[in-house]
Amino acid sequence: MSTGLPPSQVLPPLKQIPPEIAAVQDYEPYAQARMSPQAWAYFSGGAADEQTLHENHMVFSRWHIVPRVLRDLGHGTTRQSLLGCDFDYPILLAPVAHQALAHTQGEQASALAASAMGAGLVLSTQSSTDLAQLAQQASCPLWFQLYIQPDRAFTAQLVQRAEQAGYRALVITVDAPLNGMRNREQRAQFSLPPGIEEVNLRGMVHARGHYAQPGQSPVFGSGLLQQAPTWQDIAWLISQTRLPVLLKGILSAHDALLAQEAGAAGVIVSNHGGRTLDGVLPTLAALPIVRAALPADYPVLLDGGVRRGTDVFKALALGANAVMIGRPYIFALAAAGAAGVAHVLHLLRTELEVAMALAGCARLEDIQTESLLKL
């Protein structure tokens, strides 16, 4: 699929991963050189002043690992079972829209890498690749991310399509009834180029809206929120499927409890990668609050800010069952296609296992709150 960009505007993907890429963040300059300024603004930017975007990662540095020594590490493992899916390690590829902006093979390359590396992948509703086509090509556990659309009948059909294609869970994004103020995208004048579309939404009836006139309420006067999903819609959607449903975008204990009461099988602590409301709680700061409100066996995942295997370790210590990564694999996808995504998964898994071994944790369940200290 073409990005619609002149070839002279971006460098081609790497044919070989250079040895100087030793950590996932090393991919960023290579990715930027291979994206248009508009695509780079879309993937790398956040909302408003991007405070939350930066805090999502920086908050990890406030927690310090407390190692244990001389422990038996001979039978170490990072295997994890979650919602009926078995994973080799607790790192999933988060749903990211429009991946053909980053690489011509888009989500197909990401799924190829996840399949090769034994990782899970969550496909975005707004993917550049048809959900059924991707399911036929992938051998990794697939979950489907869903925005509840104003066209509820189409939403129900989309859920059935995901079920029939073999997806193992639904991830409902609940923190974006409208887009945040993405100033970096605005300054870059981002729009989807010709040849890239949200293929899974073909045929949907789009709700008619109107722009507020000067002097009117710009959001509440525009009709944008008239059909925004509510907890009643979550209960309705759960009744439409036999798949486990996770709610992505939970930051408060109160909403975590409401999710459980509504019948959600798990929650994902997320602030949309800092792309919706700037100034909100970093995900790692929200994680222990959400974890404490829920039963110990209730699945909680973390999405946002993970850049190192030690970050994964810290998230697990604070109560996450697994983490999702977004920008790290998208930048690797842009730089080197499927090989780059596979390399990022390998780097993070290696760093996690090294951290576990040096902290005296042979299994994921050995990673406890006592493994960390906040200064």
Protein backbone atom coordinates (compact mmCIF):
# COMPACT_ATOMS: atom_id res chain seq x y z
CA MET A 1 0.00 0.00 0.00
CA SER A 2 1.44 3.37 -0.99
CA THR A 3 1.85 6.18 1.51
CA GLY A 4 1.18 8.69 -1.25
CA LEU A 5 4.49 10.42 -0.48
CA PRO A 6 7.19 11.28 -3.03
CA PRO A 7 10.09 8.82 -2.67
CA SER A 8 12.54 11.72 -2.35
CA GLN A 9 10.80 12.88 0.81
CA VAL A 10 11.85 9.94 2.98
CA LEU A 11 14.68 7.42 3.18
CA PRO A 12 13.96 3.76 2.37
CA PRO A 13 13.70 1.24 5.23
CA LEU A 14 16.95 -0.20 6.53
CA LYS A 15 18.01 -3.43 4.86
CA GLN A 16 20.13 -4.32 7.87
CA ILE A 17 19.82 -3.22 11.47
CA PRO A 18 23.00 -1.30 12.35
CA PRO A 19 24.90 -2.36 15.48
CA GLU A 20 24.50 1.09 17.04
CA ILE A 21 20.82 0.31 17.62
CA ALA A 22 21.27 -1.24 21.03
CA ALA A 23 18.05 -0.07 22.73
CA VAL A 24 14.53 0.63 21.51
CA GLN A 25 14.93 4.41 21.70
CA ASP A 26 17.83 4.20 19.26
CA TYR A 27 15.27 3.63 16.50
CA GLU A 28 13.75 7.12 16.80
CA PRO A 29 16.16 9.09 14.55
CA TYR A 30 16.07 6.31 11.96
CA ALA A 31 12.27 6.41 12.01
CA GLN A 32 12.07 10.18 11.71
CA ALA A 33 14.35 10.08 8.66
CA ARG A 34 11.96 7.62 7.01
CA MET A 35 8.67 9.42 7.66
CA SER A 36 7.17 12.56 6.22
CA PRO A 37 7.02 15.47 8.71
CA GLN A 38 3.27 14.93 8.87
CA ALA A 39 3.53 11.22 9.70
CA TRP A 40 6.27 11.90 12.27
CA ALA A 41 4.05 14.49 13.97
CA TYR A 42 1.18 11.99 14.03
CA PHE A 43 3.11 9.12 15.60
CA SER A 44 5.52 11.00 17.87
CA GLY A 45 3.34 13.84 19.09
CA GLY A 46 0.97 14.18 22.01
CA ALA A 47 -1.73 16.55 23.15
CA ALA A 48 -1.16 20.26 23.83
CA ASP A 49 2.20 20.85 25.59
CA GLU A 50 2.91 17.09 25.65
CA GLN A 51 3.42 17.07 29.42
CA THR A 52 1.71 13.71 29.81
CA LEU A 53 3.57 12.27 26.81
CA HIS A 54 6.90 12.92 28.55
CA GLU A 55 5.73 12.09 32.09
CA ASN A 56 4.54 8.65 30.98
CA HIS A 57 8.17 7.63 30.59
CA MET A 58 9.86 9.85 33.15
CA VAL A 59 7.76 8.48 36.02
CA PHE A 60 9.53 5.12 35.70
CA SER A 61 12.78 6.73 36.89
CA ARG A 62 11.18 7.58 40.24
CA TRP A 63 10.94 3.92 41.16
CA HIS A 64 14.09 1.95 42.01
CA ILE A 65 14.57 -1.81 41.91
CA VAL A 66 15.57 -3.52 45.17
CA PRO A 67 17.47 -6.67 44.12
CA ARG A 68 17.59 -9.93 46.03
CA VAL A 69 20.74 -12.04 45.72
CA LEU A 70 21.78 -15.70 45.82
CA ARG A 71 18.37 -16.96 44.78
CA ASP A 72 17.69 -20.04 42.65
CA LEU A 73 17.37 -18.85 39.03
CA GLY A 74 17.85 -22.20 37.33
CA HIS A 75 14.29 -22.57 36.06
CA GLY A 76 13.46 -18.98 35.13
CA THR A 77 10.55 -18.19 32.82
CA THR A 78 8.55 -15.21 31.61
CA ARG A 79 5.56 -17.19 30.38
CA GLN A 80 2.18 -15.66 31.08
CA SER A 81 -1.42 -16.84 30.63
CA LEU A 82 -3.95 -14.07 30.18
CA LEU A 83 -7.63 -14.31 29.24
CA GLY A 84 -7.14 -17.75 27.76
CA CYS A 85 -4.05 -16.76 25.74
CA ASP A 86 -0.57 -18.05 26.43
CA PHE A 87 2.26 -15.58 25.92
CA ASP A 88 6.00 -16.25 26.04
CA TYR A 89 6.50 -12.93 27.84
CA PRO A 90 4.18 -10.18 29.11
CA ILE A 91 4.66 -7.64 26.30
CA LEU A 92 1.96 -6.99 23.68
CA LEU A 93 1.93 -4.70 20.66
CA ALA A 94 -0.61 -1.96 21.40
CA PRO A 95 -3.26 -0.87 18.90
CA VAL A 96 -1.84 1.87 16.67
CA ALA A 97 -3.84 3.28 13.78
CA HIS A 98 -2.72 3.90 10.20
CA GLN A 99 0.50 1.88 10.33
CA ALA A 100 0.86 2.14 6.55
CA LEU A 101 1.99 5.70 7.28
CA ALA A 102 5.09 4.21 8.89
CA HIS A 103 5.81 1.37 6.47
CA THR A 104 4.21 0.12 3.27
CA GLN A 105 3.41 -3.26 4.87
CA GLY A 106 1.92 -1.62 7.95
CA GLU A 107 0.10 -3.94 10.33
CA GLN A 108 1.04 -6.98 8.25
CA ALA A 109 4.71 -6.41 9.09
CA SER A 110 3.87 -5.90 12.77
CA ALA A 111 1.86 -9.13 12.85
CA LEU A 112 4.66 -11.01 11.10
CA ALA A 113 7.10 -9.85 13.77
CA ALA A 114 4.73 -10.67 16.62
CA SER A 115 4.16 -14.14 15.17
CA ALA A 116 7.89 -14.76 14.82
CA MET A 117 8.64 -13.54 18.35
CA GLY A 118 5.74 -15.16 20.21
CA ALA A 119 4.12 -11.85 21.20
CA GLY A 120 0.50 -10.73 21.19
CA LEU A 121 -0.86 -8.00 18.92
CA VAL A 122 -3.89 -5.74 19.34
CA LEU A 123 -5.22 -4.53 15.98
CA SER A 124 -6.67 -1.03 15.79
CA THR A 125 -10.16 -0.36 14.45
CA GLN A 126 -8.44 2.32 12.35
CA SER A 127 -5.86 -0.06 10.90
CA SER A 128 -4.70 0.15 7.32
CA THR A 129 -5.25 -3.63 6.96
CA ASP A 130 -8.51 -5.58 6.96
CA LEU A 131 -9.00 -7.44 10.23
CA ALA A 132 -9.92 -10.74 8.57
CA GLN A 133 -6.98 -10.57 6.15
CA LEU A 134 -4.57 -9.99 9.03
CA ALA A 135 -6.02 -12.89 11.03
CA GLN A 136 -5.40 -15.24 8.11
CA GLN A 137 -1.73 -14.26 7.97
CA ALA A 138 -0.87 -14.09 11.69
CA SER A 139 -0.03 -16.97 13.99
CA CYS A 140 0.22 -14.87 17.17
CA PRO A 141 -2.69 -14.28 19.59
CA LEU A 142 -4.75 -11.41 18.17
CA TRP A 143 -7.00 -9.02 20.08
CA PHE A 144 -9.15 -6.39 18.37
CA GLN A 145 -9.34 -2.79 19.57
CA LEU A 146 -12.70 -1.15 19.09
CA TYR A 147 -14.08 2.35 19.23
CA ILE A 148 -17.83 2.22 19.81
CA GLN A 149 -19.15 4.01 16.74
CA PRO A 150 -22.23 6.28 16.57
CA ASP A 151 -23.59 3.64 14.18
CA ARG A 152 -24.28 1.01 16.85
CA ALA A 153 -25.52 -1.57 14.32
CA PHE A 154 -22.23 -1.28 12.43
CA THR A 155 -20.37 -1.59 15.74
CA ALA A 156 -22.17 -4.86 16.48
CA GLN A 157 -21.31 -6.14 13.00
CA LEU A 158 -17.66 -5.21 13.54
CA VAL A 159 -17.63 -7.22 16.77
CA GLN A 160 -19.06 -10.23 14.94
CA ARG A 161 -16.46 -9.88 12.18
CA ALA A 162 -13.69 -9.94 14.78
CA GLU A 163 -15.18 -13.04 16.42
CA GLN A 164 -15.53 -14.86 13.12
CA ALA A 165 -11.96 -13.99 12.13
CA GLY A 166 -10.61 -15.63 15.28
CA TYR A 167 -9.67 -12.68 17.48
CA ARG A 168 -9.34 -13.75 21.11
CA ALA A 169 -10.46 -10.61 22.97
CA LEU A 170 -11.90 -7.15 22.43
CA VAL A 171 -10.17 -4.02 23.70
CA ILE A 172 -12.61 -1.10 23.97
CA THR A 173 -10.97 2.32 24.05
CA VAL A 174 -12.98 4.45 26.48
CA ASP A 175 -10.88 7.58 26.98
CA ALA A 176 -11.38 9.34 23.65
CA PRO A 177 -14.95 10.50 23.01
CA LEU A 178 -13.20 13.08 20.81
CA ASN A 179 -9.62 13.81 19.79
CA GLY A 180 -7.36 15.78 22.07
CA MET A 181 -5.73 19.08 21.12
CA ARG A 182 -2.83 17.70 19.12
CA ASN A 183 -0.95 20.89 18.38
CA ARG A 184 2.05 19.16 16.83
CA GLU A 185 -0.23 17.52 14.26
CA GLN A 186 -1.96 20.86 13.63
CA ARG A 187 1.33 22.65 13.02
CA ALA A 188 2.42 19.91 10.61
CA GLN A 189 -1.00 20.08 8.87
CA PHE A 190 -1.44 16.33 9.21
CA SER A 191 -4.05 14.52 7.13
CA LEU A 192 -4.19 11.01 5.72
CA PRO A 193 -2.53 10.89 2.29
CA PRO A 194 -4.21 9.21 -0.69
CA GLY A 195 -4.11 5.43 -0.53
CA ILE A 196 -4.49 5.12 3.24
CA GLU A 197 -7.91 4.63 4.79
CA GLU A 198 -9.65 2.97 7.73
CA VAL A 199 -10.55 -0.17 5.81
CA ASN A 200 -12.43 -1.81 8.68
CA LEU A 201 -14.92 1.10 8.73
CA ARG A 202 -15.95 0.86 5.09
CA GLY A 203 -19.71 0.98 4.75
CA MET A 204 -20.36 2.66 8.09
CA VAL A 205 -23.01 5.37 8.24
CA HIS A 206 -21.29 8.45 9.61
CA ALA A 207 -23.23 10.61 12.03
CA ARG A 208 -23.96 14.09 10.80
CA GLY A 209 -22.42 16.82 12.87
CA HIS A 210 -22.03 20.53 12.57
CA TYR A 211 -19.40 23.05 13.45
CA ALA A 212 -20.15 25.54 16.17
CA GLN A 213 -20.45 29.08 14.92
CA PRO A 214 -18.21 31.87 16.25
CA GLY A 215 -19.30 32.75 19.76
CA GLN A 216 -20.96 29.36 20.33
CA SER A 217 -19.70 26.62 22.63
CA PRO A 218 -16.98 25.03 20.44
CA VAL A 219 -17.38 21.47 21.77
CA PHE A 220 -20.67 21.17 23.64
CA GLY A 221 -22.38 23.30 21.03
CA SER A 222 -21.15 21.23 18.10
CA GLY A 223 -23.02 17.97 18.59
CA LEU A 224 -19.77 16.00 18.76
CA LEU A 225 -20.65 14.35 22.06
CA GLN A 226 -24.30 13.51 21.48
CA GLN A 227 -23.53 9.86 20.77
CA ALA A 228 -20.41 9.47 22.89
CA PRO A 229 -20.38 6.02 24.58
CA THR A 230 -21.51 5.64 28.20
CA TRP A 231 -21.44 2.77 30.70
CA GLN A 232 -24.78 1.62 29.25
CA ASP A 233 -23.07 1.18 25.89
CA ILE A 234 -20.33 -0.90 27.51
CA ALA A 235 -22.94 -3.22 29.05
CA TRP A 236 -24.67 -3.45 25.66
CA LEU A 237 -21.45 -4.27 23.82
CA ILE A 238 -20.45 -6.96 26.32
CA SER A 239 -23.87 -8.54 25.74
CA GLN A 240 -23.11 -8.67 21.99
CA THR A 241 -20.04 -10.91 22.21
CA ARG A 242 -18.73 -14.14 23.66
CA LEU A 243 -15.19 -12.70 23.71
CA PRO A 244 -13.61 -11.27 26.87
CA VAL A 245 -13.76 -7.48 26.83
CA LEU A 246 -11.07 -5.20 28.27
CA LEU A 247 -11.55 -1.47 28.76
CA LYS A 248 -8.55 0.63 27.71
CA GLY A 249 -8.16 4.10 29.18
CA ILE A 250 -8.81 3.51 32.89
CA LEU A 251 -6.96 5.81 35.30
CA SER A 252 -9.18 5.91 38.40
CA ALA A 253 -10.14 3.34 41.01
CA HIS A 254 -13.79 4.30 40.65
CA ASP A 255 -13.84 3.61 36.90
CA ALA A 256 -11.93 0.36 37.44
CA LEU A 257 -14.71 -0.85 39.75
CA LEU A 258 -17.39 0.28 37.31
CA ALA A 259 -15.62 -1.68 34.56
CA GLN A 260 -15.65 -4.81 36.68
CA GLU A 261 -19.33 -4.29 37.57
CA ALA A 262 -20.20 -3.82 33.90
CA GLY A 263 -18.75 -7.25 33.12
CA ALA A 264 -15.38 -6.28 31.63
CA ALA A 265 -12.87 -9.13 31.85
CA GLY A 266 -9.97 -6.75 32.51
CA VAL A 267 -8.77 -3.15 32.30
CA ILE A 268 -5.86 -1.41 30.65
CA VAL A 269 -4.36 1.52 32.53
CA SER A 270 -3.75 4.03 29.75
CA ASN A 271 -3.93 7.73 28.95
CA HIS A 272 -3.86 7.16 25.19
CA GLY A 273 -0.11 7.73 25.05
CA GLY A 274 -0.60 11.35 26.09
CA ARG A 275 -2.59 11.99 22.91
CA THR A 276 -5.96 13.00 24.40
CA LEU A 277 -5.95 15.10 27.58
CA ASP A 278 -2.64 16.68 28.51
CA GLY A 279 -1.78 16.98 32.20
CA VAL A 280 -3.45 13.74 33.29
CA LEU A 281 -1.89 11.17 35.57
CA PRO A 282 1.03 9.19 34.09
CA THR A 283 0.06 5.57 33.62
CA LEU A 284 2.60 4.12 36.05
CA ALA A 285 1.35 6.51 38.75
CA ALA A 286 -2.24 5.38 38.14
CA LEU A 287 -1.39 1.67 38.05
CA PRO A 288 -1.13 0.96 41.81
CA ILE A 289 -4.32 2.96 42.42
CA VAL A 290 -6.25 0.85 39.93
CA ARG A 291 -4.63 -2.40 41.07
CA ALA A 292 -5.55 -1.79 44.72
CA ALA A 293 -9.21 -1.31 43.83
CA LEU A 294 -9.60 -4.65 42.09
CA PRO A 295 -9.36 -8.31 43.12
CA ALA A 296 -5.86 -9.77 42.94
CA ASP A 297 -6.82 -12.15 40.13
CA TYR A 298 -8.48 -9.48 37.95
CA PRO A 299 -6.36 -8.73 34.85
CA VAL A 300 -4.76 -5.28 34.74
CA LEU A 301 -2.46 -4.19 31.92
CA LEU A 302 -0.39 -1.04 31.52
CA ASP A 303 -0.03 0.96 28.31
CA GLY A 304 2.19 4.00 28.08
CA GLY A 305 5.80 5.00 28.59
CA VAL A 306 7.52 1.61 28.42
CA ARG A 307 10.95 1.96 26.80
CA ARG A 308 13.08 -0.57 28.70
CA GLY A 309 12.81 -4.08 30.09
CA THR A 310 13.30 -2.52 33.52
CA ASP A 311 10.14 -0.49 32.84
CA VAL A 312 8.30 -3.76 32.26
CA PHE A 313 9.72 -5.10 35.53
CA LYS A 314 8.53 -2.01 37.43
CA ALA A 315 5.05 -2.21 35.93
CA LEU A 316 4.76 -5.87 36.94
CA ALA A 317 5.96 -5.02 40.46
CA LEU A 318 3.22 -2.39 40.76
CA GLY A 319 0.50 -4.81 39.79
CA ALA A 320 0.32 -5.13 36.01
CA ASN A 321 -0.15 -8.58 34.50
CA ALA A 322 1.38 -7.40 31.23
CA VAL A 323 2.30 -4.24 29.35
CA MET A 324 1.63 -2.84 25.89
CA ILE A 325 4.08 -0.90 23.76
CA GLY A 326 3.16 1.53 21.00
CA ARG A 327 5.66 4.10 19.76
CA PRO A 328 8.73 1.85 20.28
CA TYR A 329 7.55 -0.71 17.75
CA ILE A 330 6.08 1.86 15.37
CA PHE A 331 9.43 3.65 15.15
CA ALA A 332 11.15 0.32 14.53
CA LEU A 333 8.53 -0.52 11.90
CA ALA A 334 9.26 2.74 10.09
CA ALA A 335 13.00 2.17 10.28
CA ALA A 336 13.26 -1.50 9.35
CA GLY A 337 9.85 -3.09 8.79
CA ALA A 338 9.05 -6.45 10.37
CA ALA A 339 12.71 -7.02 11.29
CA GLY A 340 12.71 -3.82 13.33
CA VAL A 341 9.55 -4.75 15.22
CA ALA A 342 10.95 -8.20 15.96
CA HIS A 343 14.19 -6.62 17.15
CA VAL A 344 12.33 -4.31 19.57
CA LEU A 345 10.45 -7.27 21.04
CA HIS A 346 13.72 -9.17 21.40
CA LEU A 347 15.46 -6.21 23.07
CA LEU A 348 12.69 -5.65 25.60
CA ARG A 349 12.36 -9.35 26.40
CA THR A 350 16.13 -9.64 26.86
CA GLU A 351 16.23 -6.58 29.11
CA LEU A 352 13.33 -7.93 31.17
CA GLU A 353 15.01 -11.30 31.66
CA VAL A 354 18.30 -9.65 32.60
CA ALA A 355 16.49 -7.40 35.09
CA MET A 356 14.67 -10.37 36.59
CA ALA A 357 17.86 -12.40 36.96
CA LEU A 358 19.81 -9.53 38.53
CA ALA A 359 16.90 -8.74 40.86
CA GLY A 360 16.62 -12.36 41.96
CA CYS A 361 13.27 -13.09 40.31
CA ALA A 362 13.05 -16.37 38.40
CA ARG A 363 9.34 -16.08 37.58
CA LEU A 364 6.92 -13.25 36.97
CA GLU A 365 5.14 -14.00 40.25
CA ASP A 366 8.42 -13.37 42.09
CA ILE A 367 8.22 -9.71 41.07
CA GLN A 368 6.41 -8.06 43.98
CA THR A 369 5.77 -4.57 45.30
CA GLU A 370 8.69 -5.16 47.68
CA SER A 371 10.94 -5.35 44.61
CA LEU A 372 10.67 -1.55 44.26
CA LEU A 373 11.35 1.51 46.35
CA LYS A 374 10.19 5.03 45.49
CA LEU A 375 12.55 7.86 46.49
